[in-house]
C-alpha atoms as a PDB file:
ATOM      1  CA  UNK A   1      15.960 -35.754  10.522  1.00  0.00           C
ATOM      2  CA  UNK A   2      13.227 -34.928   8.126  1.00  0.00           C
ATOM      3  CA  UNK A   3      11.035 -33.035  10.927  1.00  0.00           C
ATOM      4  CA  UNK A   4      14.203 -31.798  12.099  1.00  0.00           C
ATOM      5  CA  UNK A   5      15.117 -30.302   8.998  1.00  0.00           C
ATOM      6  CA  UNK A   6      11.209 -29.055   7.775  1.00  0.00           C
ATOM      7  CA  UNK A   7      10.712 -26.953  11.046  1.00  0.00           C
ATOM      8  CA  UNK A   8      14.132 -24.441  10.083  1.00  0.00           C
ATOM      9  CA  UNK A   9      13.007 -24.564   6.463  1.00  0.00           C
ATOM     10  CA  UNK A  10       9.385 -23.547   7.433  1.00  0.00           C
ATOM     11  CA  UNK A  11      10.938 -20.836   9.967  1.00  0.00           C
ATOM     12  CA  UNK A  12      13.712 -19.650   7.308  1.00  0.00           C
ATOM     13  CA  UNK A  13      10.831 -18.962   4.304  1.00  0.00           C
ATOM     14  CA  UNK A  14       8.569 -17.069   6.985  1.00  0.00           C
ATOM     15  CA  UNK A  15      11.506 -14.947   7.616  1.00  0.00           C
ATOM     16  CA  UNK A  16      11.951 -14.814   4.142  1.00  0.00           C
ATOM     17  CA  UNK A  17       8.742 -13.688   3.233  1.00  0.00           C
ATOM     18  CA  UNK A  18       9.063 -10.908   6.301  1.00  0.00           C
ATOM     19  CA  UNK A  19      12.069  -9.665   5.082  1.00  0.00           C
ATOM     20  CA  UNK A  20      10.952  -8.850   1.291  1.00  0.00           C
ATOM     21  CA  UNK A  21       7.732  -7.212   3.085  1.00  0.00           C
ATOM     22  CA  UNK A  22      10.122  -4.817   5.311  1.00  0.00           C
ATOM     23  CA  UNK A  23      12.171  -4.044   2.198  1.00  0.00           C
ATOM     24  CA  UNK A  24       9.320  -2.776  -0.276  1.00  0.00           C
ATOM     25  CA  UNK A  25       8.312  -0.896   3.006  1.00  0.00           C
ATOM     26  CA  UNK A  26      11.468   1.010   3.193  1.00  0.00           C
ATOM     27  CA  UNK A  27      11.930   1.114  -0.851  1.00  0.00           C
ATOM     28  CA  UNK A  28       8.787   3.153  -0.579  1.00  0.00           C
ATOM     29  CA  UNK A  29       9.312   5.010   2.101  1.00  0.00           C
ATOM     30  CA  UNK A  30       9.160   8.218   0.351  1.00  0.00           C
ATOM     31  CA  UNK A  31       6.253   7.287  -1.898  1.00  0.00           C
ATOM     32  CA  UNK A  32       2.849   9.582  -1.476  1.00  0.00           C
ATOM     33  CA  UNK A  33       0.325   7.822   0.043  1.00  0.00           C
ATOM     34  CA  UNK A  34       1.998   4.469   0.578  1.00  0.00           C
ATOM     35  CA  UNK A  35       0.752   2.256   2.784  1.00  0.00           C
ATOM     36  CA  UNK A  36       3.237  -0.075   4.359  1.00  0.00           C
ATOM     37  CA  UNK A  37       2.842  -4.308   3.865  1.00  0.00           C
ATOM     38  CA  UNK A  38       2.885  -6.311   6.798  1.00  0.00           C
ATOM     39  CA  UNK A  39       2.668 -10.697   6.861  1.00  0.00           C
ATOM     40  CA  UNK A  40       0.646 -12.824   8.682  1.00  0.00           C
ATOM     41  CA  UNK A  41       0.612 -16.648   8.868  1.00  0.00           C
ATOM     42  CA  UNK A  42      -2.733 -18.635   9.491  1.00  0.00           C
ATOM     43  CA  UNK A  43      -2.694 -22.048  11.516  1.00  0.00           C
ATOM     44  CA  UNK A  44      -1.586 -23.768   8.837  1.00  0.00           C
ATOM     45  CA  UNK A  45       1.767 -21.308   8.446  1.00  0.00           C
ATOM     46  CA  UNK A  46       0.193 -19.911   5.357  1.00  0.00           C
ATOM     47  CA  UNK A  47       1.653 -16.525   4.637  1.00  0.00           C
ATOM     48  CA  UNK A  48      -0.820 -13.512   3.739  1.00  0.00           C
ATOM     49  CA  UNK A  49       0.342  -9.961   2.989  1.00  0.00           C
ATOM     50  CA  UNK A  50      -1.937  -7.488   4.240  1.00  0.00           C
ATOM     51  CA  UNK A  51      -1.759  -3.721   4.167  1.00  0.00           C
ATOM     52  CA  UNK A  52      -1.369  -1.240   7.347  1.00  0.00           C
ATOM     53  CA  UNK A  53      -3.767   1.717   6.532  1.00  0.00           C
ATOM     54  CA  UNK A  54      -3.068   3.727   9.661  1.00  0.00           C
ATOM     55  CA  UNK A  55      -2.642   7.417   8.255  1.00  0.00           C
ATOM     56  CA  UNK A  56       0.817   9.027   7.273  1.00  0.00           C
ATOM     57  CA  UNK A  57       2.363  12.275   8.684  1.00  0.00           C
ATOM     58  CA  UNK A  58       0.658  15.223   6.032  1.00  0.00           C
ATOM     59  CA  UNK A  59       2.561  17.871   4.645  1.00  0.00           C
ATOM     60  CA  UNK A  60       2.030  21.095   3.244  1.00  0.00           C
ATOM     61  CA  UNK A  61       2.500  21.763  -0.681  1.00  0.00           C
ATOM     62  CA  UNK A  62       0.224  24.570  -0.870  1.00  0.00           C
ATOM     63  CA  UNK A  63      -0.428  23.090  -4.724  1.00  0.00           C
ATOM     64  CA  UNK A  64      -4.695  23.575  -4.904  1.00  0.00           C
ATOM     65  CA  UNK A  65      -4.844  20.161  -6.741  1.00  0.00           C
ATOM     66  CA  UNK A  66      -3.287  17.993  -3.763  1.00  0.00           C
ATOM     67  CA  UNK A  67      -5.102  16.412  -1.968  1.00  0.00           C
ATOM     68  CA  UNK A  68      -4.374  14.897   1.247  1.00  0.00           C
ATOM     69  CA  UNK A  69      -7.208  12.211   3.300  1.00  0.00           C
ATOM     70  CA  UNK A  70      -7.715  12.160   6.613  1.00  0.00           C
ATOM     71  CA  UNK A  71      -7.632   8.649   8.805  1.00  0.00           C
ATOM     72  CA  UNK A  72     -10.134   6.931   6.611  1.00  0.00           C
ATOM     73  CA  UNK A  73     -11.396   6.866   3.054  1.00  0.00           C
ATOM     74  CA  UNK A  74      -9.704   6.159  -0.713  1.00  0.00           C
ATOM     75  CA  UNK A  75      -9.876   8.171  -3.939  1.00  0.00           C
ATOM     76  CA  UNK A  76     -11.452   6.316  -6.686  1.00  0.00           C
ATOM     77  CA  UNK A  77      -9.557   6.332 -10.413  1.00  0.00           C
ATOM     78  CA  UNK A  78     -10.162   4.861 -13.280  1.00  0.00           C
ATOM     79  CA  UNK A  79      -7.900   2.959 -14.859  1.00  0.00           C
ATOM     80  CA  UNK A  80      -7.699   0.654 -18.471  1.00  0.00           C
ATOM     81  CA  UNK A  81      -8.382  -2.360 -16.180  1.00  0.00           C
ATOM     82  CA  UNK A  82     -11.429  -0.999 -14.075  1.00  0.00           C
ATOM     83  CA  UNK A  83     -11.869   1.362 -11.245  1.00  0.00           C
ATOM     84  CA  UNK A  84      -8.818   1.004  -8.899  1.00  0.00           C
ATOM     85  CA  UNK A  85      -8.170   3.036  -5.330  1.00  0.00           C
ATOM     86  CA  UNK A  86      -5.221   4.642  -4.417  1.00  0.00           C
ATOM     87  CA  UNK A  87      -4.495   7.433  -1.246  1.00  0.00           C
ATOM     88  CA  UNK A  88      -2.197   9.415  -3.123  1.00  0.00           C
ATOM     89  CA  UNK A  89      -3.723  12.714  -3.490  1.00  0.00           C
ATOM     90  CA  UNK A  90      -0.926  13.988  -5.972  1.00  0.00           C
ATOM     91  CA  UNK A  91      -3.470  15.090  -8.769  1.00  0.00           C
ATOM     92  CA  UNK A  92      -2.776  17.236 -12.002  1.00  0.00           C
ATOM     93  CA  UNK A  93      -4.839  18.390 -14.938  1.00  0.00           C
ATOM     94  CA  UNK A  94      -4.241  16.516 -18.129  1.00  0.00           C
ATOM     95  CA  UNK A  95      -4.165  18.598 -21.340  1.00  0.00           C
ATOM     96  CA  UNK A  96      -7.796  17.771 -21.962  1.00  0.00           C
ATOM     97  CA  UNK A  97      -8.560  19.347 -18.507  1.00  0.00           C
ATOM     98  CA  UNK A  98      -9.192  16.450 -17.018  1.00  0.00           C
ATOM     99  CA  UNK A  99      -8.075  15.738 -12.992  1.00  0.00           C
ATOM    100  CA  UNK A 100      -5.764  12.822 -13.186  1.00  0.00           C
ATOM    101  CA  UNK A 101      -3.591  10.521 -10.596  1.00  0.00           C
ATOM    102  CA  UNK A 102       0.546  10.708 -11.644  1.00  0.00           C
ATOM    103  CA  UNK A 103      -0.326   7.626 -13.953  1.00  0.00           C
ATOM    104  CA  UNK A 104      -2.918   9.580 -16.487  1.00  0.00           C
ATOM    105  CA  UNK A 105      -5.721   7.789 -14.628  1.00  0.00           C
ATOM    106  CA  UNK A 106      -8.636  10.122 -14.292  1.00  0.00           C
ATOM    107  CA  UNK A 107      -9.928  10.579 -11.008  1.00  0.00           C
ATOM    108  CA  UNK A 108     -13.442  10.205  -9.939  1.00  0.00           C
ATOM    109  CA  UNK A 109     -16.146  12.412  -9.002  1.00  0.00           C
ATOM    110  CA  UNK A 110     -19.256  11.841  -8.002  1.00  0.00           C
ATOM    111  CA  UNK A 111     -20.444  12.671 -11.359  1.00  0.00           C
ATOM    112  CA  UNK A 112     -17.688  10.728 -13.154  1.00  0.00           C
ATOM    113  CA  UNK A 113     -14.351  11.841 -14.208  1.00  0.00           C
ATOM    114  CA  UNK A 114     -13.898  15.583 -13.339  1.00  0.00           C
ATOM    115  CA  UNK A 115     -13.554  18.069 -16.211  1.00  0.00           C
ATOM    116  CA  UNK A 116     -12.059  21.608 -14.984  1.00  0.00           C
ATOM    117  CA  UNK A 117     -11.881  24.191 -17.508  1.00  0.00           C
ATOM    118  CA  UNK A 118      -8.520  26.440 -16.904  1.00  0.00           C
ATOM    119  CA  UNK A 119      -8.397  28.220 -20.314  1.00  0.00           C
ATOM    120  CA  UNK A 120      -9.484  31.563 -18.516  1.00  0.00           C
ATOM    121  CA  UNK A 121      -6.076  32.756 -16.627  1.00  0.00           C
ATOM    122  CA  UNK A 122      -8.386  34.058 -13.828  1.00  0.00           C
ATOM    123  CA  UNK A 123      -9.924  30.954 -13.066  1.00  0.00           C
ATOM    124  CA  UNK A 124      -9.464  29.371  -9.564  1.00  0.00           C
ATOM    125  CA  UNK A 125      -9.812  25.887  -8.290  1.00  0.00           C
ATOM    126  CA  UNK A 126     -10.131  25.453  -4.847  1.00  0.00           C
ATOM    127  CA  UNK A 127     -11.527  21.849  -3.107  1.00  0.00           C
ATOM    128  CA  UNK A 128     -12.975  22.111   0.580  1.00  0.00           C
ATOM    129  CA  UNK A 129     -12.791  19.838   3.522  1.00  0.00           C
ATOM    130  CA  UNK A 130     -15.725  17.796   2.261  1.00  0.00           C
ATOM    131  CA  UNK A 131     -13.878  17.301  -1.071  1.00  0.00           C
ATOM    132  CA  UNK A 132     -16.200  19.658  -2.860  1.00  0.00           C
ATOM    133  CA  UNK A 133     -14.379  20.979  -5.724  1.00  0.00           C
ATOM    134  CA  UNK A 134     -15.217  24.595  -6.287  1.00  0.00           C
ATOM    135  CA  UNK A 135     -14.575  26.553 -10.013  1.00  0.00           C
ATOM    136  CA  UNK A 136     -14.382  30.605  -9.425  1.00  0.00           C
ATOM    137  CA  UNK A 137     -16.345  29.620  -6.225  1.00  0.00           C
ATOM    138  CA  UNK A 138     -19.143  27.821  -8.227  1.00  0.00           C
ATOM    139  CA  UNK A 139     -19.618  23.775  -7.033  1.00  0.00           C
ATOM    140  CA  UNK A 140     -18.263  21.689  -9.376  1.00  0.00           C
ATOM    141  CA  UNK A 141     -18.400  17.986  -8.697  1.00  0.00           C
ATOM    142  CA  UNK A 142     -16.986  16.205  -5.533  1.00  0.00           C
ATOM    143  CA  UNK A 143     -14.251  14.079  -4.821  1.00  0.00           C
ATOM    144  CA  UNK A 144     -15.409  10.100  -5.000  1.00  0.00           C
ATOM    145  CA  UNK A 145     -13.785   8.720  -1.621  1.00  0.00           C
ATOM    146  CA  UNK A 146     -14.927   5.434  -0.559  1.00  0.00           C
ATOM    147  CA  UNK A 147     -14.450   2.894   2.110  1.00  0.00           C
ATOM    148  CA  UNK A 148     -14.510  -0.621   2.658  1.00  0.00           C
ATOM    149  CA  UNK A 149     -15.891  -2.669   5.649  1.00  0.00           C
ATOM    150  CA  UNK A 150     -13.498  -5.332   5.235  1.00  0.00           C
ATOM    151  CA  UNK A 151      -9.803  -3.195   3.850  1.00  0.00           C
ATOM    152  CA  UNK A 152      -8.830  -6.680   3.454  1.00  0.00           C
ATOM    153  CA  UNK A 153     -10.395  -7.295   0.312  1.00  0.00           C
ATOM    154  CA  UNK A 154      -8.106  -4.623  -0.727  1.00  0.00           C
ATOM    155  CA  UNK A 155      -4.916  -5.370  -2.976  1.00  0.00           C
ATOM    156  CA  UNK A 156      -2.055  -3.725  -4.254  1.00  0.00           C
ATOM    157  CA  UNK A 157      -1.405  -4.093  -8.033  1.00  0.00           C
ATOM    158  CA  UNK A 158       0.903  -1.401  -8.368  1.00  0.00           C
ATOM    159  CA  UNK A 159       1.553   2.223  -9.228  1.00  0.00           C
ATOM    160  CA  UNK A 160       0.177   3.023  -5.529  1.00  0.00           C
ATOM    161  CA  UNK A 161      -3.217   1.211  -6.631  1.00  0.00           C
ATOM    162  CA  UNK A 162      -5.403  -1.147  -5.195  1.00  0.00           C
ATOM    163  CA  UNK A 163      -7.910  -3.478  -6.476  1.00  0.00           C
ATOM    164  CA  UNK A 164     -11.046  -4.304  -4.232  1.00  0.00           C
ATOM    165  CA  UNK A 165     -10.866  -8.372  -5.054  1.00  0.00           C
ATOM    166  CA  UNK A 166     -15.261  -8.516  -4.041  1.00  0.00           C
ATOM    167  CA  UNK A 167     -18.108  -6.851  -5.431  1.00  0.00           C
ATOM    168  CA  UNK A 168     -17.702  -3.203  -5.762  1.00  0.00           C
ATOM    169  CA  UNK A 169     -20.900  -2.902  -4.478  1.00  0.00           C
ATOM    170  CA  UNK A 170     -19.099  -3.158  -1.143  1.00  0.00           C
ATOM    171  CA  UNK A 171     -18.222   0.974  -1.299  1.00  0.00           C
ATOM    172  CA  UNK A 172     -19.329   2.815   1.744  1.00  0.00           C
ATOM    173  CA  UNK A 173     -18.875   6.137   2.774  1.00  0.00           C
ATOM    174  CA  UNK A 174     -16.166   7.097   5.254  1.00  0.00           C
ATOM    175  CA  UNK A 175     -17.509   7.700   8.606  1.00  0.00           C
ATOM    176  CA  UNK A 176     -15.517  11.114   8.682  1.00  0.00           C
ATOM    177  CA  UNK A 177     -14.456  12.650   5.205  1.00  0.00           C
ATOM    178  CA  UNK A 178     -12.134  14.868   5.822  1.00  0.00           C
ATOM    179  CA  UNK A 179      -9.937  16.658   2.898  1.00  0.00           C
ATOM    180  CA  UNK A 180      -7.106  18.986   3.043  1.00  0.00           C
ATOM    181  CA  UNK A 181      -6.670  20.519  -0.419  1.00  0.00           C
ATOM    182  CA  UNK A 182      -2.690  21.993  -0.540  1.00  0.00           C
ATOM    183  CA  UNK A 183      -1.210  19.247   1.292  1.00  0.00           C
ATOM    184  CA  UNK A 184      -0.233  15.458   0.601  1.00  0.00           C
ATOM    185  CA  UNK A 185      -0.486  12.531   2.663  1.00  0.00           C
ATOM    186  CA  UNK A 186       3.810  10.780   3.201  1.00  0.00           C
ATOM    187  CA  UNK A 187       3.800   6.802   3.625  1.00  0.00           C
ATOM    188  CA  UNK A 188       3.412   5.601   7.043  1.00  0.00           C
ATOM    189  CA  UNK A 189       6.844   4.095   7.203  1.00  0.00           C
ATOM    190  CA  UNK A 190       9.173   4.584  10.126  1.00  0.00           C
ATOM    191  CA  UNK A 191      12.371   4.064   8.520  1.00  0.00           C
ATOM    192  CA  UNK A 192      14.031   3.067  11.792  1.00  0.00           C
ATOM    193  CA  UNK A 193      11.380   1.075  12.805  1.00  0.00           C
ATOM    194  CA  UNK A 194      11.456  -0.924   9.341  1.00  0.00           C
ATOM    195  CA  UNK A 195      15.427  -1.124   9.674  1.00  0.00           C
ATOM    196  CA  UNK A 196      15.319  -2.823  13.015  1.00  0.00           C
ATOM    197  CA  UNK A 197      12.556  -4.950  12.019  1.00  0.00           C
ATOM    198  CA  UNK A 198      14.970  -5.765   8.969  1.00  0.00           C
ATOM    199  CA  UNK A 199      18.002  -6.919  10.977  1.00  0.00           C
ATOM    200  CA  UNK A 200      16.007  -8.601  13.414  1.00  0.00           C
ATOM    201  CA  UNK A 201      14.408 -10.765  10.406  1.00  0.00           C
ATOM    202  CA  UNK A 202      18.047 -10.995   9.080  1.00  0.00           C
ATOM    203  CA  UNK A 203      19.325 -12.407  12.085  1.00  0.00           C
ATOM    204  CA  UNK A 204      16.232 -15.183  12.573  1.00  0.00           C
ATOM    205  CA  UNK A 205      16.664 -16.014   8.841  1.00  0.00           C
ATOM    206  CA  UNK A 206      20.903 -17.222   9.642  1.00  0.00           C
ATOM    207  CA  UNK A 207      19.422 -18.809  12.621  1.00  0.00           C
ATOM    208  CA  UNK A 208      17.229 -20.924  10.867  1.00  0.00           C
ATOM    209  CA  UNK A 209      19.969 -21.229   7.668  1.00  0.00           C
ATOM    210  CA  UNK A 210      22.924 -22.475  10.044  1.00  0.00           C
ATOM    211  CA  UNK A 211      20.415 -25.241  11.717  1.00  0.00           C
ATOM    212  CA  UNK A 212      19.436 -26.220   8.214  1.00  0.00           C
ATOM    213  CA  UNK A 213      23.407 -26.490   7.609  1.00  0.00           C
ATOM    214  CA  UNK A 214      24.079 -28.272  11.001  1.00  0.00           C
ATOM    215  CA  UNK A 215      20.930 -31.286  10.197  1.00  0.00           C
ATOM    216  CA  UNK A 216      22.599 -31.286   6.629  1.00  0.00           C
ATOM    217  CA  UNK A 217      25.705 -32.142   8.010  1.00  0.00           C
ATOM    218  CA  UNK A 218      24.440 -34.607  10.591  1.00  0.00           C
ATOM    219  CA  UNK A 219      22.839 -36.456   7.911  1.00  0.00           C
ATOM    220  CA  UNK A 220      26.240 -36.684   5.430  1.00  0.00           C
ATOM    221  CA  UNK A 221      28.073 -37.981   8.501  1.00  0.00           C
ATOM    222  CA  UNK A 222      25.505 -40.285   9.512  1.00  0.00           C
ATOM    223  CA  UNK A 223      25.024 -41.919   6.102  1.00  0.00           C
ATOM    224  CA  UNK A 224      28.732 -42.105   5.512  1.00  0.00           C
ATOM    225  CA  UNK A 225      29.531 -43.597   8.822  1.00  0.00           C
ATOM    226  CA  UNK A 226      26.922 -46.218   8.089  1.00  0.00           C
ATOM    227  CA  UNK A 227      29.162 -47.745   5.980  1.00  0.00           C
ATOM    228  CA  UNK A 228      32.078 -48.238   8.218  1.00  0.00           C
ATOM    229  CA  UNK A 229      30.373 -50.622  11.037  1.00  0.00           C
ATOM    230  CA  UNK A 230      29.216 -52.895   8.224  1.00  0.00           C
END
């Protein structure tokens, strides 16, 4: 019965990994720039969690420091653990006038961290479709938007950030950089679709669990009944 028990056990574990991914997607359905997870398996049935980088819906906020990217590209931010990447363009200014993400990490421009002096109340900040940042109509810097040929090299590290597991020299400029200031990209999670997946995965998990219970009962019965015929 070992082989018969192994198959539903493996199947149950695969459904469990899928349920974890779907649950995480639903929990982040309202997270700006979130990219949904999906589980795939290699020939040895080893699970791997990857991200779906398709673009989410873009909504207007009219906040000049909110930035949405087109289908391609990632913002670079400097964290205490080094450079990381995000699609969340919900930026603001720190008390020192540095452009930062929601966790306070400096957003990278092509000249490094971006300092915007807004002491003057008449100061106006604008970001154009190419990511160029203008202060009172004078160019200040350009958002450092990058991509990778192998997007599977990106792994989530929390706080809606990604780390690249390869060489950062693999950074390439996106073919079509499109920046939309005053807007934010929503999570690319379709709640109804994810709920349907969750129900399907849960049913399959229960099926495998029942199979394991059935095989366990057969084993117990066989073991207990052997003694009756000796």
